[in-house]
Amino acid sequence: MTRIQGIGVDVVDVQRMKQMLAEQGEAFVNKIFTEAEIAYCQKKKNPHEHFAARFAAKEAVSKALQTGWSGEFRWKDLEVVNEPSGAPKIVLSRGLADSLKTNRVHLSLSHTENTVVAFAVIEAGD
């Protein structure tokens, strides 16, 4: 029997992310994203779109955790990678991996040129 522990959704304006990247640059990127995420996004034609998707994913998972920013959530403890099929996948590390070791985190991303939506579900483990 599957039991949902939490759900979260986030919407990011792609142009706002582009503006944040222009204004805050490396300080923002290095605070939020892992080295692998940065490398992935920077290889793309429109890096800001991919940064926006990963930011939305992190926000959606943080909402699904239901702890807010006072919990064990740290930006870089959650990495968004892509399966060979292109499907997004969450990889957890450090304290977040420990606290969710028996859980499964599901992620869905969708975007247009202007908007990214991320939806996360945390499935409770046995």
N, C-alpha and C. Protein backbone atom coordinates (compact mmCIF):
# COMPACT_ATOMS: atom_id res chain seq x y z
N MET A 1 0.84 -1.18 0.00
CA MET A 1 0.00 0.00 0.00
C MET A 1 0.88 1.25 0.00
N THR A 2 0.63 2.14 -0.93
CA THR A 2 1.37 3.38 -1.03
C THR A 2 0.74 4.44 -0.13
N ARG A 3 1.61 5.13 0.60
CA ARG A 3 1.14 6.19 1.47
C ARG A 3 1.90 7.46 1.12
N ILE A 4 1.15 8.52 0.83
CA ILE A 4 1.75 9.80 0.50
C ILE A 4 2.10 10.53 1.79
N GLN A 5 3.35 10.92 1.91
CA GLN A 5 3.80 11.66 3.08
C GLN A 5 3.70 13.17 2.86
N GLY A 6 3.90 13.61 1.61
CA GLY A 6 3.81 15.04 1.34
C GLY A 6 3.78 15.32 -0.15
N ILE A 7 3.18 16.44 -0.49
CA ILE A 7 3.17 16.91 -1.88
C ILE A 7 3.59 18.37 -1.89
N GLY A 8 4.18 18.79 -2.98
CA GLY A 8 4.57 20.18 -3.11
C GLY A 8 4.56 20.59 -4.57
N VAL A 9 4.24 21.83 -4.81
CA VAL A 9 4.24 22.37 -6.17
C VAL A 9 4.87 23.74 -6.14
N ASP A 10 5.55 24.10 -7.22
CA ASP A 10 6.13 25.43 -7.32
C ASP A 10 6.07 25.88 -8.78
N VAL A 11 5.88 27.17 -8.95
CA VAL A 11 5.83 27.79 -10.28
C VAL A 11 6.90 28.88 -10.32
N VAL A 12 7.72 28.87 -11.35
CA VAL A 12 8.77 29.86 -11.49
C VAL A 12 8.61 30.59 -12.82
N ASP A 13 8.71 31.90 -12.76
CA ASP A 13 8.70 32.74 -13.96
C ASP A 13 10.11 32.68 -14.56
N VAL A 14 10.23 32.20 -15.78
CA VAL A 14 11.53 31.99 -16.41
C VAL A 14 12.28 33.32 -16.59
N GLN A 15 11.58 34.38 -16.94
CA GLN A 15 12.25 35.67 -17.12
C GLN A 15 12.76 36.22 -15.79
N ARG A 16 12.04 35.95 -14.72
CA ARG A 16 12.51 36.38 -13.40
C ARG A 16 13.79 35.65 -13.04
N MET A 17 13.88 34.36 -13.37
CA MET A 17 15.11 33.61 -13.12
C MET A 17 16.25 34.20 -13.96
N LYS A 18 15.97 34.53 -15.19
CA LYS A 18 16.99 35.13 -16.06
C LYS A 18 17.51 36.43 -15.43
N GLN A 19 16.61 37.22 -14.88
CA GLN A 19 16.97 38.47 -14.23
C GLN A 19 17.81 38.20 -12.96
N MET A 20 17.39 37.22 -12.17
CA MET A 20 18.15 36.86 -10.95
C MET A 20 19.58 36.44 -11.30
N LEU A 21 19.70 35.66 -12.35
CA LEU A 21 21.02 35.20 -12.76
C LEU A 21 21.89 36.37 -13.21
N ALA A 22 21.29 37.31 -13.92
CA ALA A 22 22.03 38.49 -14.39
C ALA A 22 22.44 39.39 -13.22
N GLU A 23 21.56 39.56 -12.25
CA GLU A 23 21.82 40.45 -11.12
C GLU A 23 22.74 39.84 -10.07
N GLN A 24 22.51 38.56 -9.75
CA GLN A 24 23.25 37.94 -8.64
C GLN A 24 24.34 36.99 -9.09
N GLY A 25 24.29 36.58 -10.34
CA GLY A 25 25.35 35.77 -10.94
C GLY A 25 25.78 34.55 -10.16
N GLU A 26 27.11 34.38 -10.09
CA GLU A 26 27.68 33.18 -9.49
C GLU A 26 27.33 33.00 -8.03
N ALA A 27 27.17 34.08 -7.29
CA ALA A 27 26.83 33.96 -5.86
C ALA A 27 25.51 33.21 -5.70
N PHE A 28 24.52 33.57 -6.50
CA PHE A 28 23.22 32.90 -6.46
C PHE A 28 23.34 31.45 -6.92
N VAL A 29 23.96 31.26 -8.05
CA VAL A 29 24.09 29.92 -8.64
C VAL A 29 24.81 28.98 -7.69
N ASN A 30 25.92 29.42 -7.12
CA ASN A 30 26.71 28.56 -6.24
C ASN A 30 26.03 28.28 -4.91
N LYS A 31 25.12 29.15 -4.49
CA LYS A 31 24.38 28.93 -3.24
C LYS A 31 23.29 27.87 -3.42
N ILE A 32 22.65 27.84 -4.59
CA ILE A 32 21.46 27.02 -4.82
C ILE A 32 21.76 25.68 -5.48
N PHE A 33 22.65 25.67 -6.44
CA PHE A 33 22.82 24.51 -7.32
C PHE A 33 24.13 23.77 -7.09
N THR A 34 24.09 22.45 -7.33
CA THR A 34 25.30 21.63 -7.23
C THR A 34 26.17 21.86 -8.46
N GLU A 35 27.41 21.42 -8.38
CA GLU A 35 28.32 21.57 -9.51
C GLU A 35 27.77 20.87 -10.75
N ALA A 36 27.19 19.70 -10.57
CA ALA A 36 26.64 18.95 -11.71
C ALA A 36 25.45 19.69 -12.33
N GLU A 37 24.60 20.28 -11.49
CA GLU A 37 23.45 21.04 -12.01
C GLU A 37 23.93 22.26 -12.79
N ILE A 38 24.93 22.94 -12.26
CA ILE A 38 25.48 24.13 -12.93
C ILE A 38 26.05 23.74 -14.29
N ALA A 39 26.83 22.68 -14.32
CA ALA A 39 27.44 22.23 -15.58
C ALA A 39 26.36 21.86 -16.60
N TYR A 40 25.33 21.15 -16.14
CA TYR A 40 24.23 20.75 -17.03
C TYR A 40 23.54 21.98 -17.62
N CYS A 41 23.16 22.92 -16.76
CA CYS A 41 22.42 24.10 -17.22
C CYS A 41 23.26 24.98 -18.15
N GLN A 42 24.53 25.15 -17.82
CA GLN A 42 25.38 26.03 -18.61
C GLN A 42 25.68 25.49 -20.00
N LYS A 43 25.49 24.18 -20.20
CA LYS A 43 25.69 23.59 -21.53
C LYS A 43 24.52 23.84 -22.46
N LYS A 44 23.40 24.25 -21.91
CA LYS A 44 22.17 24.40 -22.68
C LYS A 44 22.10 25.75 -23.39
N LYS A 45 21.30 25.80 -24.46
CA LYS A 45 21.14 27.01 -25.25
C LYS A 45 20.60 28.17 -24.40
N ASN A 46 19.60 27.90 -23.57
CA ASN A 46 19.01 28.90 -22.68
C ASN A 46 19.16 28.42 -21.24
N PRO A 47 20.33 28.63 -20.64
CA PRO A 47 20.59 28.09 -19.30
C PRO A 47 19.56 28.53 -18.27
N HIS A 48 19.05 29.74 -18.37
CA HIS A 48 18.11 30.24 -17.38
C HIS A 48 16.85 29.38 -17.29
N GLU A 49 16.42 28.79 -18.41
CA GLU A 49 15.24 27.93 -18.40
C GLU A 49 15.50 26.67 -17.56
N HIS A 50 16.69 26.15 -17.65
CA HIS A 50 17.04 24.92 -16.93
C HIS A 50 17.31 25.20 -15.45
N PHE A 51 17.92 26.36 -15.18
CA PHE A 51 18.08 26.77 -13.78
C PHE A 51 16.70 26.97 -13.14
N ALA A 52 15.78 27.57 -13.88
CA ALA A 52 14.43 27.80 -13.36
C ALA A 52 13.74 26.47 -13.03
N ALA A 53 13.91 25.47 -13.88
CA ALA A 53 13.28 24.16 -13.64
C ALA A 53 13.86 23.51 -12.39
N ARG A 54 15.18 23.57 -12.22
CA ARG A 54 15.80 22.96 -11.05
C ARG A 54 15.45 23.71 -9.77
N PHE A 55 15.34 25.03 -9.86
CA PHE A 55 14.94 25.82 -8.70
C PHE A 55 13.51 25.45 -8.29
N ALA A 56 12.61 25.37 -9.27
CA ALA A 56 11.22 25.00 -8.98
C ALA A 56 11.15 23.61 -8.35
N ALA A 57 11.95 22.69 -8.84
CA ALA A 57 11.97 21.33 -8.29
C ALA A 57 12.39 21.34 -6.82
N LYS A 58 13.42 22.09 -6.51
CA LYS A 58 13.90 22.17 -5.12
C LYS A 58 12.84 22.79 -4.22
N GLU A 59 12.18 23.82 -4.70
CA GLU A 59 11.11 24.46 -3.93
C GLU A 59 9.95 23.49 -3.72
N ALA A 60 9.57 22.75 -4.76
CA ALA A 60 8.46 21.80 -4.64
C ALA A 60 8.77 20.71 -3.61
N VAL A 61 9.99 20.20 -3.63
CA VAL A 61 10.37 19.17 -2.66
C VAL A 61 10.39 19.76 -1.25
N SER A 62 10.88 20.98 -1.10
CA SER A 62 10.90 21.59 0.23
C SER A 62 9.48 21.75 0.77
N LYS A 63 8.53 22.05 -0.09
CA LYS A 63 7.13 22.16 0.32
C LYS A 63 6.57 20.79 0.68
N ALA A 64 6.96 19.77 -0.06
CA ALA A 64 6.49 18.41 0.23
C ALA A 64 7.03 17.92 1.58
N LEU A 65 8.19 18.40 1.97
CA LEU A 65 8.77 18.02 3.26
C LEU A 65 7.97 18.59 4.43
N GLN A 66 7.27 19.68 4.19
CA GLN A 66 6.42 20.33 5.18
C GLN A 66 7.19 20.82 6.41
N THR A 67 8.47 21.08 6.24
CA THR A 67 9.27 21.59 7.36
C THR A 67 9.65 23.05 7.16
N GLY A 68 9.41 23.57 5.96
CA GLY A 68 9.87 24.92 5.66
C GLY A 68 11.39 24.96 5.65
N TRP A 69 11.92 26.14 5.75
CA TRP A 69 13.38 26.28 5.71
C TRP A 69 14.02 26.04 7.06
N SER A 70 13.22 25.79 8.10
CA SER A 70 13.78 25.56 9.42
C SER A 70 14.18 24.10 9.61
N GLY A 71 13.80 23.24 8.68
CA GLY A 71 14.11 21.82 8.81
C GLY A 71 15.51 21.50 8.32
N GLU A 72 15.70 20.27 7.90
CA GLU A 72 17.02 19.81 7.47
C GLU A 72 17.30 20.12 6.00
N PHE A 73 16.38 20.78 5.35
CA PHE A 73 16.55 21.04 3.92
C PHE A 73 17.65 22.05 3.66
N ARG A 74 18.57 21.68 2.78
CA ARG A 74 19.60 22.59 2.27
C ARG A 74 19.57 22.47 0.76
N TRP A 75 19.70 23.59 0.09
CA TRP A 75 19.58 23.64 -1.36
C TRP A 75 20.37 22.54 -2.07
N LYS A 76 21.63 22.39 -1.69
CA LYS A 76 22.51 21.47 -2.41
C LYS A 76 22.37 20.01 -1.96
N ASP A 77 21.54 19.76 -0.95
CA ASP A 77 21.28 18.38 -0.53
C ASP A 77 20.30 17.69 -1.47
N LEU A 78 19.78 18.44 -2.41
CA LEU A 78 18.82 17.93 -3.38
C LEU A 78 19.34 18.29 -4.76
N GLU A 79 19.56 17.29 -5.57
CA GLU A 79 20.08 17.52 -6.92
C GLU A 79 19.08 16.97 -7.93
N VAL A 80 18.84 17.73 -8.98
CA VAL A 80 17.97 17.28 -10.05
C VAL A 80 18.86 16.77 -11.18
N VAL A 81 18.65 15.52 -11.54
CA VAL A 81 19.38 14.90 -12.65
C VAL A 81 18.35 14.40 -13.66
N ASN A 82 18.84 13.97 -14.79
CA ASN A 82 17.94 13.43 -15.80
C ASN A 82 18.27 11.97 -16.05
N GLU A 83 17.22 11.17 -16.12
CA GLU A 83 17.36 9.77 -16.52
C GLU A 83 17.77 9.76 -18.00
N PRO A 84 18.29 8.63 -18.50
CA PRO A 84 18.63 8.55 -19.93
C PRO A 84 17.44 8.90 -20.84
N SER A 85 16.22 8.65 -20.34
CA SER A 85 15.02 8.98 -21.12
C SER A 85 14.74 10.47 -21.14
N GLY A 86 15.44 11.23 -20.26
CA GLY A 86 15.19 12.66 -20.14
C GLY A 86 14.32 13.01 -18.94
N ALA A 87 13.69 12.02 -18.33
CA ALA A 87 12.83 12.26 -17.17
C ALA A 87 13.65 12.80 -16.01
N PRO A 88 13.11 13.80 -15.30
CA PRO A 88 13.85 14.33 -14.15
C PRO A 88 13.79 13.37 -12.97
N LYS A 89 14.85 13.39 -12.19
CA LYS A 89 14.96 12.51 -11.02
C LYS A 89 15.64 13.29 -9.91
N ILE A 90 15.22 13.04 -8.67
CA ILE A 90 15.79 13.67 -7.49
C ILE A 90 16.87 12.76 -6.90
N VAL A 91 18.02 13.33 -6.61
CA VAL A 91 19.09 12.63 -5.90
C VAL A 91 19.32 13.42 -4.61
N LEU A 92 19.21 12.71 -3.47
CA LEU A 92 19.36 13.34 -2.16
C LEU A 92 20.74 13.04 -1.58
N SER A 93 21.25 13.96 -0.76
CA SER A 93 22.52 13.74 -0.09
C SER A 93 22.47 14.29 1.33
N ARG A 94 23.51 14.00 2.06
CA ARG A 94 23.69 14.45 3.46
C ARG A 94 22.46 14.22 4.32
N GLY A 95 22.10 15.20 5.13
CA GLY A 95 21.00 15.06 6.09
C GLY A 95 19.67 14.74 5.45
N LEU A 96 19.43 15.29 4.27
CA LEU A 96 18.17 15.05 3.59
C LEU A 96 18.06 13.58 3.16
N ALA A 97 19.16 13.03 2.68
CA ALA A 97 19.17 11.61 2.30
C ALA A 97 18.92 10.73 3.52
N ASP A 98 19.49 11.11 4.66
CA ASP A 98 19.28 10.33 5.88
C ASP A 98 17.83 10.39 6.34
N SER A 99 17.25 11.58 6.33
CA SER A 99 15.88 11.72 6.83
C SER A 99 14.84 11.09 5.90
N LEU A 100 15.19 10.92 4.64
CA LEU A 100 14.24 10.33 3.68
C LEU A 100 14.71 8.97 3.15
N LYS A 101 15.58 8.30 3.90
CA LYS A 101 16.18 7.07 3.39
C LYS A 101 15.18 5.96 3.09
N THR A 102 14.04 5.95 3.76
CA THR A 102 13.05 4.92 3.47
C THR A 102 11.93 5.43 2.56
N ASN A 103 12.04 6.66 2.12
CA ASN A 103 11.02 7.27 1.28
C ASN A 103 11.45 7.30 -0.18
N ARG A 104 10.50 7.58 -1.03
CA ARG A 104 10.75 7.76 -2.45
C ARG A 104 10.22 9.14 -2.83
N VAL A 105 11.02 9.90 -3.57
CA VAL A 105 10.61 11.24 -4.00
C VAL A 105 10.35 11.19 -5.50
N HIS A 106 9.15 11.59 -5.88
CA HIS A 106 8.76 11.62 -7.29
C HIS A 106 8.73 13.09 -7.73
N LEU A 107 9.13 13.34 -8.98
CA LEU A 107 9.17 14.70 -9.50
C LEU A 107 8.64 14.75 -10.92
N SER A 108 7.84 15.76 -11.18
CA SER A 108 7.39 16.04 -12.54
C SER A 108 7.65 17.51 -12.83
N LEU A 109 8.21 17.79 -13.98
CA LEU A 109 8.48 19.16 -14.42
C LEU A 109 7.78 19.42 -15.74
N SER A 110 7.29 20.63 -15.90
CA SER A 110 6.70 21.04 -17.16
C SER A 110 7.02 22.51 -17.35
N HIS A 111 7.26 22.89 -18.60
CA HIS A 111 7.58 24.30 -18.81
C HIS A 111 7.20 24.79 -20.19
N THR A 112 7.01 26.08 -20.23
CA THR A 112 6.86 26.80 -21.50
C THR A 112 8.05 27.74 -21.56
N GLU A 113 8.07 28.59 -22.53
CA GLU A 113 9.13 29.58 -22.65
C GLU A 113 9.12 30.54 -21.46
N ASN A 114 7.97 30.71 -20.83
CA ASN A 114 7.82 31.71 -19.77
C ASN A 114 7.65 31.17 -18.36
N THR A 115 7.20 29.92 -18.22
CA THR A 115 6.84 29.41 -16.90
C THR A 115 7.30 27.96 -16.73
N VAL A 116 7.76 27.67 -15.51
CA VAL A 116 8.11 26.30 -15.14
C VAL A 116 7.23 25.89 -13.97
N VAL A 117 6.72 24.66 -14.02
CA VAL A 117 5.95 24.09 -12.91
C VAL A 117 6.65 22.81 -12.48
N ALA A 118 6.83 22.68 -11.18
CA ALA A 118 7.40 21.46 -10.61
C ALA A 118 6.40 20.90 -9.60
N PHE A 119 6.24 19.58 -9.65
CA PHE A 119 5.33 18.90 -8.73
C PHE A 119 6.11 17.74 -8.11
N ALA A 120 6.14 17.71 -6.78
CA ALA A 120 6.87 16.67 -6.06
C ALA A 120 5.94 15.91 -5.12
N VAL A 121 6.17 14.62 -5.04
CA VAL A 121 5.43 13.76 -4.12
C VAL A 121 6.47 12.94 -3.34
N ILE A 122 6.30 12.94 -2.03
CA ILE A 122 7.14 12.08 -1.19
C ILE A 122 6.28 10.91 -0.75
N GLU A 123 6.71 9.74 -1.14
CA GLU A 123 6.02 8.50 -0.81
C GLU A 123 6.67 7.89 0.41
N ALA A 124 5.89 7.61 1.43
CA ALA A 124 6.41 7.04 2.66
C ALA A 124 6.88 5.61 2.44
N GLY A 125 7.99 5.28 3.03
CA GLY A 125 8.51 3.92 2.94
C GLY A 125 8.03 3.10 4.12
N ASP A 126 8.26 1.83 4.05
CA ASP A 126 7.84 0.93 5.13
C ASP A 126 8.93 0.76 6.16
